[in-house]
């Protein structure tokens, strides 16, 4: 199951976009979104999803 970004909590800092190894995160309409077709929850690359690890706002990058 992919991750998603809670838009109302996102500060648009961009940290998650640069950490995503799959290029699943992009800026759309002034908010970051995660493409569920590209999101692998960083399996095989990290023990935990990188977007959730680097996000400065707790519980903004969450499992969909």
N, C-alpha and C. Protein backbone atom coordinates (compact mmCIF):
# COMPACT_ATOMS: atom_id res chain seq x y z
N UNK A 1 0.85 -1.18 0.00
CA UNK A 1 0.00 0.00 0.00
C UNK A 1 0.89 1.24 0.00
N UNK A 2 0.54 2.21 -0.81
CA UNK A 2 1.32 3.42 -0.96
C UNK A 2 1.13 4.38 0.21
N UNK A 3 2.00 5.36 0.26
CA UNK A 3 1.88 6.44 1.23
C UNK A 3 1.16 7.61 0.58
N UNK A 4 0.65 8.51 1.40
CA UNK A 4 0.02 9.73 0.90
C UNK A 4 0.45 10.88 1.79
N UNK A 5 0.28 12.09 1.29
CA UNK A 5 0.60 13.30 2.03
C UNK A 5 -0.70 13.97 2.42
N UNK A 6 -0.85 14.28 3.69
CA UNK A 6 -2.02 14.99 4.17
C UNK A 6 -1.85 16.46 3.77
N UNK A 7 -2.58 16.88 2.76
CA UNK A 7 -2.41 18.21 2.16
C UNK A 7 -2.57 19.33 3.17
N UNK A 8 -3.51 19.22 4.07
CA UNK A 8 -3.76 20.30 5.02
C UNK A 8 -2.62 20.49 6.02
N UNK A 9 -1.73 19.50 6.13
CA UNK A 9 -0.60 19.58 7.06
C UNK A 9 0.72 19.88 6.36
N UNK A 10 0.75 19.70 5.05
CA UNK A 10 1.99 19.87 4.28
C UNK A 10 2.42 21.33 4.26
N UNK A 11 3.71 21.55 4.59
CA UNK A 11 4.26 22.91 4.59
C UNK A 11 4.96 23.23 3.28
N UNK A 12 4.96 22.31 2.33
CA UNK A 12 5.57 22.46 1.02
C UNK A 12 7.07 22.74 1.14
N UNK A 13 7.71 22.08 2.08
CA UNK A 13 9.15 22.29 2.29
C UNK A 13 9.99 21.59 1.22
N UNK A 14 9.46 20.53 0.62
CA UNK A 14 10.17 19.82 -0.44
C UNK A 14 11.11 18.73 0.01
N UNK A 15 11.25 18.52 1.30
CA UNK A 15 12.17 17.51 1.81
C UNK A 15 11.84 16.11 1.29
N UNK A 16 10.58 15.80 1.24
CA UNK A 16 10.16 14.46 0.83
C UNK A 16 10.47 14.18 -0.64
N UNK A 17 10.29 15.17 -1.49
CA UNK A 17 10.50 14.99 -2.93
C UNK A 17 11.93 14.53 -3.22
N UNK A 18 12.88 15.14 -2.55
CA UNK A 18 14.29 14.83 -2.81
C UNK A 18 14.72 13.50 -2.19
N UNK A 19 14.00 13.01 -1.20
CA UNK A 19 14.35 11.76 -0.54
C UNK A 19 13.73 10.53 -1.20
N UNK A 20 12.70 10.71 -2.00
CA UNK A 20 12.00 9.57 -2.60
C UNK A 20 12.87 8.90 -3.66
N UNK A 21 13.24 7.62 -3.44
CA UNK A 21 14.10 6.94 -4.39
C UNK A 21 13.38 6.53 -5.67
N UNK A 22 12.06 6.62 -5.68
CA UNK A 22 11.28 6.19 -6.84
C UNK A 22 10.72 7.34 -7.66
N UNK A 23 10.97 8.55 -7.25
CA UNK A 23 10.41 9.69 -7.96
C UNK A 23 8.90 9.74 -7.89
N UNK A 24 8.33 9.23 -6.80
CA UNK A 24 6.88 9.16 -6.65
C UNK A 24 6.26 10.45 -6.13
N UNK A 25 7.08 11.38 -5.67
CA UNK A 25 6.56 12.60 -5.07
C UNK A 25 6.81 13.79 -6.00
N UNK A 26 5.75 14.56 -6.22
CA UNK A 26 5.89 15.73 -7.09
C UNK A 26 4.99 16.86 -6.61
N UNK A 27 5.30 18.05 -7.05
CA UNK A 27 4.53 19.24 -6.70
C UNK A 27 3.41 19.43 -7.72
N UNK A 28 2.17 19.46 -7.24
CA UNK A 28 1.02 19.68 -8.12
C UNK A 28 0.08 20.66 -7.44
N UNK A 29 -0.24 21.73 -8.14
CA UNK A 29 -1.14 22.76 -7.61
C UNK A 29 -0.66 23.27 -6.25
N UNK A 30 0.64 23.53 -6.15
CA UNK A 30 1.24 24.10 -4.94
C UNK A 30 1.18 23.19 -3.72
N UNK A 31 1.09 21.88 -3.92
CA UNK A 31 1.11 20.92 -2.82
C UNK A 31 1.80 19.65 -3.31
N UNK A 32 2.51 18.98 -2.43
CA UNK A 32 3.17 17.74 -2.81
C UNK A 32 2.20 16.58 -2.75
N UNK A 33 2.31 15.70 -3.74
CA UNK A 33 1.48 14.50 -3.81
C UNK A 33 2.37 13.30 -4.10
N UNK A 34 1.88 12.12 -3.70
CA UNK A 34 2.60 10.87 -3.93
C UNK A 34 1.83 10.04 -4.95
N UNK A 35 2.49 9.64 -6.01
CA UNK A 35 1.88 8.78 -7.03
C UNK A 35 1.85 7.36 -6.49
N UNK A 36 0.66 6.81 -6.20
CA UNK A 36 0.59 5.47 -5.61
C UNK A 36 1.12 4.37 -6.51
N UNK A 37 1.18 4.64 -7.81
CA UNK A 37 1.70 3.63 -8.74
C UNK A 37 3.22 3.52 -8.65
N UNK A 38 3.87 4.58 -8.19
CA UNK A 38 5.33 4.60 -8.07
C UNK A 38 5.83 4.33 -6.66
N UNK A 39 4.96 4.55 -5.66
CA UNK A 39 5.37 4.41 -4.25
C UNK A 39 5.50 2.94 -3.86
N UNK A 40 6.66 2.60 -3.33
CA UNK A 40 6.92 1.22 -2.86
C UNK A 40 7.16 1.20 -1.36
N UNK A 41 6.90 2.31 -0.68
CA UNK A 41 7.18 2.48 0.75
C UNK A 41 8.66 2.26 1.03
N UNK A 42 9.48 2.46 0.03
CA UNK A 42 10.94 2.33 0.12
C UNK A 42 11.38 0.89 0.45
N UNK A 43 10.54 -0.08 0.16
CA UNK A 43 10.91 -1.48 0.41
C UNK A 43 12.17 -1.83 -0.37
N UNK A 44 13.10 -2.46 0.33
CA UNK A 44 14.36 -2.85 -0.27
C UNK A 44 15.38 -1.72 -0.33
N UNK A 45 14.98 -0.52 0.06
CA UNK A 45 15.88 0.63 0.01
C UNK A 45 16.08 1.26 1.38
N UNK A 46 15.10 1.10 2.24
CA UNK A 46 15.16 1.71 3.56
C UNK A 46 14.22 0.93 4.48
N UNK A 47 14.52 0.92 5.76
CA UNK A 47 13.67 0.19 6.70
C UNK A 47 12.31 0.86 6.89
N UNK A 48 12.27 2.16 6.73
CA UNK A 48 11.02 2.91 6.85
C UNK A 48 10.90 3.86 5.66
N UNK A 49 9.69 4.27 5.30
CA UNK A 49 9.53 5.20 4.18
C UNK A 49 10.28 6.51 4.44
N UNK A 50 11.09 6.90 3.49
CA UNK A 50 11.93 8.09 3.65
C UNK A 50 11.13 9.37 3.77
N UNK A 51 10.01 9.44 3.05
CA UNK A 51 9.21 10.68 3.12
C UNK A 51 8.74 10.94 4.55
N UNK A 52 8.29 9.89 5.21
CA UNK A 52 7.83 10.04 6.59
C UNK A 52 8.99 10.37 7.53
N UNK A 53 10.16 9.82 7.24
CA UNK A 53 11.33 10.07 8.08
C UNK A 53 11.80 11.52 8.02
N UNK A 54 11.75 12.13 6.84
CA UNK A 54 12.30 13.49 6.69
C UNK A 54 11.27 14.60 6.84
N UNK A 55 10.00 14.26 6.84
CA UNK A 55 8.97 15.29 6.94
C UNK A 55 9.05 15.98 8.31
N UNK A 56 9.11 17.32 8.32
CA UNK A 56 9.21 18.03 9.59
C UNK A 56 7.89 18.09 10.38
N UNK A 57 6.79 17.72 9.73
CA UNK A 57 5.48 17.75 10.40
C UNK A 57 5.04 16.31 10.66
N UNK A 58 4.97 15.90 11.91
CA UNK A 58 4.59 14.53 12.24
C UNK A 58 3.24 14.13 11.62
N UNK A 59 3.19 12.89 11.18
CA UNK A 59 1.96 12.30 10.63
C UNK A 59 1.41 13.03 9.41
N UNK A 60 2.31 13.54 8.58
CA UNK A 60 1.89 14.17 7.33
C UNK A 60 2.06 13.20 6.17
N UNK A 61 3.12 12.44 6.15
CA UNK A 61 3.31 11.37 5.17
C UNK A 61 2.89 10.08 5.86
N UNK A 62 1.75 9.55 5.44
CA UNK A 62 1.17 8.40 6.13
C UNK A 62 0.76 7.32 5.14
N UNK A 63 0.57 6.13 5.64
CA UNK A 63 0.13 5.02 4.80
C UNK A 63 -1.30 5.29 4.34
N UNK A 64 -1.53 5.12 3.06
CA UNK A 64 -2.86 5.37 2.48
C UNK A 64 -3.87 4.32 2.89
